[in-house]
PDB file of N, CA and C in Angstrom:
ATOM      1  N   MET A   1     -28.492  78.097 -43.436  1.00  0.00           N
ATOM      2  CA  MET A   1     -28.142  78.675 -42.155  1.00  0.00           C
ATOM      3  C   MET A   1     -26.746  78.187 -41.768  1.00  0.00           C
ATOM      4  N   PRO A   2     -25.779  79.058 -41.607  1.00  0.00           N
ATOM      5  CA  PRO A   2     -24.412  78.650 -41.261  1.00  0.00           C
ATOM      6  C   PRO A   2     -24.297  78.251 -39.790  1.00  0.00           C
ATOM      7  N   THR A   3     -23.255  77.478 -39.492  1.00  0.00           N
ATOM      8  CA  THR A   3     -22.959  77.097 -38.115  1.00  0.00           C
ATOM      9  C   THR A   3     -22.410  78.305 -37.370  1.00  0.00           C
ATOM     10  N   GLY A   4     -22.915  78.538 -36.157  1.00  0.00           N
ATOM     11  CA  GLY A   4     -22.385  79.604 -35.314  1.00  0.00           C
ATOM     12  C   GLY A   4     -20.973  79.260 -34.856  1.00  0.00           C
ATOM     13  N   SER A   5     -20.236  80.265 -34.464  1.00  0.00           N
ATOM     14  CA  SER A   5     -18.848  80.018 -34.055  1.00  0.00           C
ATOM     15  C   SER A   5     -18.799  79.362 -32.674  1.00  0.00           C
ATOM     16  N   TYR A   6     -17.760  78.553 -32.472  1.00  0.00           N
ATOM     17  CA  TYR A   6     -17.530  77.904 -31.187  1.00  0.00           C
ATOM     18  C   TYR A   6     -16.063  77.508 -31.106  1.00  0.00           C
ATOM     19  N   VAL A   7     -15.575  77.299 -29.888  1.00  0.00           N
ATOM     20  CA  VAL A   7     -14.195  76.873 -29.660  1.00  0.00           C
ATOM     21  C   VAL A   7     -14.236  75.705 -28.683  1.00  0.00           C
ATOM     22  N   THR A   8     -13.497  74.646 -28.994  1.00  0.00           N
ATOM     23  CA  THR A   8     -13.371  73.530 -28.068  1.00  0.00           C
ATOM     24  C   THR A   8     -11.899  73.309 -27.748  1.00  0.00           C
ATOM     25  N   LEU A   9     -11.647  72.703 -26.605  1.00  0.00           N
ATOM     26  CA  LEU A   9     -10.282  72.401 -26.176  1.00  0.00           C
ATOM     27  C   LEU A   9     -10.122  70.888 -26.156  1.00  0.00           C
ATOM     28  N   ASP A  10      -9.160  70.373 -26.937  1.00  0.00           N
ATOM     29  CA  ASP A  10      -8.893  68.941 -27.012  1.00  0.00           C
ATOM     30  C   ASP A  10      -7.465  68.677 -26.549  1.00  0.00           C
ATOM     31  N   LEU A  11      -7.265  67.578 -25.829  1.00  0.00           N
ATOM     32  CA  LEU A  11      -5.929  67.172 -25.397  1.00  0.00           C
ATOM     33  C   LEU A  11      -5.710  65.724 -25.801  1.00  0.00           C
ATOM     34  N   GLN A  12      -4.508  65.427 -26.294  1.00  0.00           N
ATOM     35  CA  GLN A  12      -4.148  64.053 -26.638  1.00  0.00           C
ATOM     36  C   GLN A  12      -2.687  63.833 -26.309  1.00  0.00           C
ATOM     37  N   ASP A  13      -2.368  62.637 -25.824  1.00  0.00           N
ATOM     38  CA  ASP A  13      -0.990  62.285 -25.526  1.00  0.00           C
ATOM     39  C   ASP A  13      -0.843  60.776 -25.693  1.00  0.00           C
ATOM     40  N   GLY A  14       0.360  60.338 -25.845  1.00  0.00           N
ATOM     41  CA  GLY A  14       0.612  58.918 -26.003  1.00  0.00           C
ATOM     42  C   GLY A  14       2.030  58.586 -25.625  1.00  0.00           C
ATOM     43  N   THR A  15       2.254  57.303 -25.424  1.00  0.00           N
ATOM     44  CA  THR A  15       3.592  56.849 -25.072  1.00  0.00           C
ATOM     45  C   THR A  15       3.824  55.454 -25.641  1.00  0.00           C
ATOM     46  N   GLU A  16       5.079  55.168 -25.951  1.00  0.00           N
ATOM     47  CA  GLU A  16       5.477  53.838 -26.392  1.00  0.00           C
ATOM     48  C   GLU A  16       5.717  52.993 -25.149  1.00  0.00           C
ATOM     49  N   LEU A  17       5.118  51.817 -25.098  1.00  0.00           N
ATOM     50  CA  LEU A  17       5.285  50.937 -23.954  1.00  0.00           C
ATOM     51  C   LEU A  17       6.377  49.899 -24.178  1.00  0.00           C
ATOM     52  N   GLY A  18       6.893  49.831 -25.401  1.00  0.00           N
ATOM     53  CA  GLY A  18       7.930  48.854 -25.728  1.00  0.00           C
ATOM     54  C   GLY A  18       7.329  47.617 -26.361  1.00  0.00           C
ATOM     55  N   ARG A  19       8.165  46.856 -27.077  1.00  0.00           N
ATOM     56  CA  ARG A  19       7.756  45.609 -27.739  1.00  0.00           C
ATOM     57  C   ARG A  19       6.549  45.803 -28.652  1.00  0.00           C
ATOM     58  N   GLY A  20       6.485  46.912 -29.357  1.00  0.00           N
ATOM     59  CA  GLY A  20       5.420  47.154 -30.326  1.00  0.00           C
ATOM     60  C   GLY A  20       4.091  47.585 -29.726  1.00  0.00           C
ATOM     61  N   ALA A  21       4.088  48.031 -28.488  1.00  0.00           N
ATOM     62  CA  ALA A  21       2.842  48.468 -27.840  1.00  0.00           C
ATOM     63  C   ALA A  21       2.916  49.956 -27.535  1.00  0.00           C
ATOM     64  N   SER A  22       1.783  50.614 -27.696  1.00  0.00           N
ATOM     65  CA  SER A  22       1.705  52.027 -27.339  1.00  0.00           C
ATOM     66  C   SER A  22       0.340  52.310 -26.730  1.00  0.00           C
ATOM     67  N   LEU A  23       0.283  53.354 -25.921  1.00  0.00           N
ATOM     68  CA  LEU A  23      -0.943  53.757 -25.241  1.00  0.00           C
ATOM     69  C   LEU A  23      -1.210  55.215 -25.558  1.00  0.00           C
ATOM     70  N   GLU A  24      -2.445  55.513 -25.982  1.00  0.00           N
ATOM     71  CA  GLU A  24      -2.854  56.885 -26.267  1.00  0.00           C
ATOM     72  C   GLU A  24      -4.050  57.244 -25.390  1.00  0.00           C
ATOM     73  N   VAL A  25      -4.058  58.469 -24.891  1.00  0.00           N
ATOM     74  CA  VAL A  25      -5.140  58.974 -24.051  1.00  0.00           C
ATOM     75  C   VAL A  25      -5.570  60.318 -24.619  1.00  0.00           C
ATOM     76  N   GLY A  26      -6.870  60.565 -24.662  1.00  0.00           N
ATOM     77  CA  GLY A  26      -7.338  61.828 -25.212  1.00  0.00           C
ATOM     78  C   GLY A  26      -8.618  62.304 -24.545  1.00  0.00           C
ATOM     79  N   ALA A  27      -8.841  63.592 -24.625  1.00  0.00           N
ATOM     80  CA  ALA A  27     -10.081  64.202 -24.146  1.00  0.00           C
ATOM     81  C   ALA A  27     -10.485  65.258 -25.157  1.00  0.00           C
ATOM     82  N   ASN A  28     -11.664  65.113 -25.740  1.00  0.00           N
ATOM     83  CA  ASN A  28     -12.195  66.079 -26.694  1.00  0.00           C
ATOM     84  C   ASN A  28     -13.276  66.913 -26.009  1.00  0.00           C
ATOM     85  N   ASN A  29     -13.343  68.197 -26.385  1.00  0.00           N
ATOM     86  CA  ASN A  29     -14.308  69.131 -25.808  1.00  0.00           C
ATOM     87  C   ASN A  29     -14.158  69.155 -24.289  1.00  0.00           C
ATOM     88  N   LEU A  30     -12.937  69.361 -23.839  1.00  0.00           N
ATOM     89  CA  LEU A  30     -12.593  69.324 -22.423  1.00  0.00           C
ATOM     90  C   LEU A  30     -13.431  70.299 -21.588  1.00  0.00           C
ATOM     91  N   THR A  31     -13.799  71.431 -22.157  1.00  0.00           N
ATOM     92  CA  THR A  31     -14.592  72.427 -21.428  1.00  0.00           C
ATOM     93  C   THR A  31     -16.089  72.159 -21.520  1.00  0.00           C
ATOM     94  N   ASP A  32     -16.486  71.054 -22.159  1.00  0.00           N
ATOM     95  CA  ASP A  32     -17.890  70.637 -22.285  1.00  0.00           C
ATOM     96  C   ASP A  32     -18.754  71.723 -22.938  1.00  0.00           C
ATOM     97  N   THR A  33     -18.220  72.329 -24.010  1.00  0.00           N
ATOM     98  CA  THR A  33     -18.923  73.377 -24.746  1.00  0.00           C
ATOM     99  C   THR A  33     -20.148  72.802 -25.460  1.00  0.00           C
ATOM    100  N   ASP A  34     -21.284  73.488 -25.368  1.00  0.00           N
ATOM    101  CA  ASP A  34     -22.515  73.071 -26.049  1.00  0.00           C
ATOM    102  C   ASP A  34     -22.560  73.770 -27.401  1.00  0.00           C
ATOM    103  N   TYR A  35     -22.537  72.979 -28.506  1.00  0.00           N
ATOM    104  CA  TYR A  35     -22.587  73.574 -29.840  1.00  0.00           C
ATOM    105  C   TYR A  35     -23.312  72.651 -30.798  1.00  0.00           C
ATOM    106  N   VAL A  36     -23.820  73.235 -31.876  1.00  0.00           N
ATOM    107  CA  VAL A  36     -24.577  72.494 -32.883  1.00  0.00           C
ATOM    108  C   VAL A  36     -24.003  72.810 -34.254  1.00  0.00           C
ATOM    109  N   ASN A  37     -23.650  71.777 -35.002  1.00  0.00           N
ATOM    110  CA  ASN A  37     -23.205  71.937 -36.380  1.00  0.00           C
ATOM    111  C   ASN A  37     -24.453  72.008 -37.260  1.00  0.00           C
ATOM    112  N   HIS A  38     -24.506  72.936 -38.179  1.00  0.00           N
ATOM    113  CA  HIS A  38     -25.709  73.105 -38.995  1.00  0.00           C
ATOM    114  C   HIS A  38     -26.003  71.907 -39.895  1.00  0.00           C
ATOM    115  N   LEU A  39     -25.042  71.016 -40.082  1.00  0.00           N
ATOM    116  CA  LEU A  39     -25.262  69.825 -40.907  1.00  0.00           C
ATOM    117  C   LEU A  39     -25.851  68.655 -40.118  1.00  0.00           C
ATOM    118  N   ASN A  40     -25.955  68.792 -38.796  1.00  0.00           N
ATOM    119  CA  ASN A  40     -26.514  67.723 -37.967  1.00  0.00           C
ATOM    120  C   ASN A  40     -27.984  67.504 -38.274  1.00  0.00           C
ATOM    121  N   ALA A  41     -28.439  66.296 -37.998  1.00  0.00           N
ATOM    122  CA  ALA A  41     -29.859  65.982 -38.144  1.00  0.00           C
ATOM    123  C   ALA A  41     -30.659  66.703 -37.062  1.00  0.00           C
ATOM    124  N   SER A  42     -31.938  66.833 -37.295  1.00  0.00           N
ATOM    125  CA  SER A  42     -32.841  67.420 -36.305  1.00  0.00           C
ATOM    126  C   SER A  42     -33.603  66.307 -35.608  1.00  0.00           C
ATOM    127  N   ASN A  43     -34.018  66.577 -34.371  1.00  0.00           N
ATOM    128  CA  ASN A  43     -34.851  65.647 -33.634  1.00  0.00           C
ATOM    129  C   ASN A  43     -36.169  65.509 -34.389  1.00  0.00           C
ATOM    130  N   PRO A  44     -36.571  64.289 -34.770  1.00  0.00           N
ATOM    131  CA  PRO A  44     -37.783  64.132 -35.585  1.00  0.00           C
ATOM    132  C   PRO A  44     -39.066  64.520 -34.854  1.00  0.00           C
ATOM    133  N   TYR A  45     -39.055  64.555 -33.529  1.00  0.00           N
ATOM    134  CA  TYR A  45     -40.262  64.869 -32.760  1.00  0.00           C
ATOM    135  C   TYR A  45     -40.403  66.359 -32.471  1.00  0.00           C
ATOM    136  N   SER A  46     -39.278  67.010 -32.134  1.00  0.00           N
ATOM    137  CA  SER A  46     -39.355  68.429 -31.775  1.00  0.00           C
ATOM    138  C   SER A  46     -38.872  69.346 -32.892  1.00  0.00           C
ATOM    139  N   GLY A  47     -38.099  68.802 -33.849  1.00  0.00           N
ATOM    140  CA  GLY A  47     -37.546  69.635 -34.913  1.00  0.00           C
ATOM    141  C   GLY A  47     -36.320  70.424 -34.476  1.00  0.00           C
ATOM    142  N   MET A  48     -35.916  70.284 -33.208  1.00  0.00           N
ATOM    143  CA  MET A  48     -34.739  70.997 -32.693  1.00  0.00           C
ATOM    144  C   MET A  48     -33.464  70.312 -33.191  1.00  0.00           C
ATOM    145  N   PRO A  49     -32.416  71.091 -33.457  1.00  0.00           N
ATOM    146  CA  PRO A  49     -31.152  70.490 -33.897  1.00  0.00           C
ATOM    147  C   PRO A  49     -30.531  69.653 -32.782  1.00  0.00           C
ATOM    148  N   ILE A  50     -29.849  68.587 -33.166  1.00  0.00           N
ATOM    149  CA  ILE A  50     -29.195  67.701 -32.205  1.00  0.00           C
ATOM    150  C   ILE A  50     -27.782  68.215 -31.971  1.00  0.00           C
ATOM    151  N   PRO A  51     -27.432  68.545 -30.711  1.00  0.00           N
ATOM    152  CA  PRO A  51     -26.095  69.085 -30.438  1.00  0.00           C
ATOM    153  C   PRO A  51     -25.015  68.013 -30.525  1.00  0.00           C
ATOM    154  N   GLU A  52     -23.772  68.463 -30.655  1.00  0.00           N
ATOM    155  CA  GLU A  52     -22.622  67.573 -30.637  1.00  0.00           C
ATOM    156  C   GLU A  52     -22.465  67.007 -29.228  1.00  0.00           C
ATOM    157  N   PRO A  53     -21.767  65.854 -29.094  1.00  0.00           N
ATOM    158  CA  PRO A  53     -21.577  65.307 -27.754  1.00  0.00           C
ATOM    159  C   PRO A  53     -20.738  66.246 -26.900  1.00  0.00           C
ATOM    160  N   GLY A  54     -20.922  66.156 -25.601  1.00  0.00           N
ATOM    161  CA  GLY A  54     -20.127  66.968 -24.672  1.00  0.00           C
ATOM    162  C   GLY A  54     -18.717  66.420 -24.567  1.00  0.00           C
ATOM    163  N   ARG A  55     -18.190  66.438 -23.388  1.00  0.00           N
ATOM    164  CA  ARG A  55     -16.826  65.969 -23.155  1.00  0.00           C
ATOM    165  C   ARG A  55     -16.730  64.481 -23.483  1.00  0.00           C
ATOM    166  N   VAL A  56     -15.693  64.104 -24.230  1.00  0.00           N
ATOM    167  CA  VAL A  56     -15.462  62.705 -24.605  1.00  0.00           C
ATOM    168  C   VAL A  56     -14.030  62.345 -24.222  1.00  0.00           C
ATOM    169  N   VAL A  57     -13.877  61.289 -23.411  1.00  0.00           N
ATOM    170  CA  VAL A  57     -12.558  60.825 -22.979  1.00  0.00           C
ATOM    171  C   VAL A  57     -12.334  59.443 -23.579  1.00  0.00           C
ATOM    172  N   SER A  58     -11.127  59.204 -24.114  1.00  0.00           N
ATOM    173  CA  SER A  58     -10.857  57.918 -24.737  1.00  0.00           C
ATOM    174  C   SER A  58      -9.433  57.443 -24.426  1.00  0.00           C
ATOM    175  N   THR A  59      -9.266  56.130 -24.471  1.00  0.00           N
ATOM    176  CA  THR A  59      -7.939  55.529 -24.372  1.00  0.00           C
ATOM    177  C   THR A  59      -7.817  54.492 -25.478  1.00  0.00           C
ATOM    178  N   THR A  60      -6.615  54.348 -26.003  1.00  0.00           N
ATOM    179  CA  THR A  60      -6.354  53.366 -27.059  1.00  0.00           C
ATOM    180  C   THR A  60      -5.056  52.644 -26.745  1.00  0.00           C
ATOM    181  N   LEU A  61      -5.115  51.328 -26.740  1.00  0.00           N
ATOM    182  CA  LEU A  61      -3.932  50.501 -26.586  1.00  0.00           C
ATOM    183  C   LEU A  61      -3.689  49.817 -27.918  1.00  0.00           C
ATOM    184  N   MET A  62      -2.526  50.055 -28.508  1.00  0.00           N
ATOM    185  CA  MET A  62      -2.183  49.447 -29.798  1.00  0.00           C
ATOM    186  C   MET A  62      -1.030  48.482 -29.601  1.00  0.00           C
ATOM    187  N   ILE A  63      -1.199  47.271 -30.142  1.00  0.00           N
ATOM    188  CA  ILE A  63      -0.174  46.247 -30.037  1.00  0.00           C
ATOM    189  C   ILE A  63       0.120  45.723 -31.443  1.00  0.00           C
ATOM    190  N   SER A  64       1.382  45.799 -31.859  1.00  0.00           N
ATOM    191  CA  SER A  64       1.805  45.270 -33.160  1.00  0.00           C
ATOM    192  C   SER A  64       2.363  43.871 -32.937  1.00  0.00           C
ATOM    193  N   LEU A  65       1.798  42.919 -33.665  1.00  0.00           N
ATOM    194  CA  LEU A  65       2.265  41.529 -33.516  1.00  0.00           C
ATOM    195  C   LEU A  65       3.288  41.189 -34.575  1.00  0.00           C
TER     196      LEU A  65
END
């Protein structure tokens, strides 16, 4: 069974803070689209496919020593 089509909107940006430090900010699945990849595991109790996570927001601070 193939995966049905879906579209997600992701945003990512970053900036150099100086002295070997940078900050990155991102948001995946910004529109909180509900979708299931056919390769995902199924819930062992109901047999229903497990959907992908909804909106995910992340920040990363990188420092080079």
